[in-house]
Amino acid sequence: MIETYAYARAGLLGNPSDGYYGKTISFILKNFRARVLLYPSARLEIKTGKADTPIWEHLEDLRATTRWRGYYGGLRVIQALLMRFTDYCLEQGIELHDRNFTIEYESTIPLRLGMGGSSAIIIATLRALQQFFEIELSQPVQANLALQTETLELGVGAGLQDRVIQVYEGLVFMDFARELMAQRGFGDYQPLDAGLLPNIYVAYRTSLSEGTEVFHNNIRARFEDGDPVVVNAMQRWAAIAEEGKQALLAGDTAALNGLINENFDLRSKVYRISEGNLEMVRTARSVGASAKFAGSGGAIVGAYEDEAQFERLREALSPIGVAVLKPKM
């Protein structure tokens, strides 16, 4: 039996420019994970997870579950990955044996909060498939296949950041320059020492946030139309990530905090942000911590000064239904 994992992630700086030839810094969040089991079987089967099973205790349970998990579980992304994976192997002349298998999955990653829940299921499954078929794909190819699973197979707007950090793990600076993407199909991914990070927290809502599938759509059209507000914002976010890398290397926490806050403040000028998400950021900043979205909304990331400030952060966010944790990398 093959058992594989992939973890949640948080975007520290530069997001959402990863889908727009920008730069980002992201880190893995081992507090939450997707787990996949793959084993030989007579027929090929994807076993449904809890989110795929249409059984509820009562109507209110259906409503609460749907608000939290959305309308889709992991079955569709695994099926889509199998399509993309086999297409890629055919295109590359990679021969796959004909033995069947069963895939089971489970995930503890909070869904629809911009923590990379869907891509973690995909990456964990891709790792299992490589072991089963005894092949080894390069890390950039793995990230690309994971992205194409959602963009090409499922029609979901997304960028490479989640997939890159979930493949590489740790703390990574990513440059998605147009020239690199055009020349070789992937960016420049630079692992950084996670020890460079100051005291970092991640906080997330324990109720529903709008998912990335909706969040990015309008911005994509504006970017492709050359809207200067969006184009200039993407360029500034890329610069924020570059400046953030230098701040990390120099141990300049004050500069890093300023960049984290600027990242979100710029986003609030370009995107429509719900009052609930604004409240999260304002509350975190009210105790002196920096704060920005960890992804597309529903979770935030920032730096705190010391344990006393971390406790104030938890005390301030708890009454508005927000949990706070220290990331494990």
Foldseek 3Di string as FASTA:
>chain_A
DDKFKFFWKFWQFLPPLQAPQFKTKMAGFRVKMKMKDKDFDPAAEEDDDPLADPDAPDDVRVVQSCQFANNDDQPLLLVLLVVLVVVVCVVVVNDFDDTHMYMYMDIPDRPQAFGLGNLRNSLRSVVRVCVVRVHDDDLQVQLVSSVCSCCVVVVADGGSVSSNCRSVHGMKMWGRHPVCCVPPNGTDIGHDHNVLDAFKKKKFFPGHDHHSSPFCVVLVVCVVVVPVLSVVLSHVRRVLSVVLVVCSVVSPQVSSLVSLQVRAVSVVVVGPDDPLQVVLQVQLPVLPWRWHRRGRHRMIMTHDDDPVSVVSSQVRCVVSRMHMDGGDD
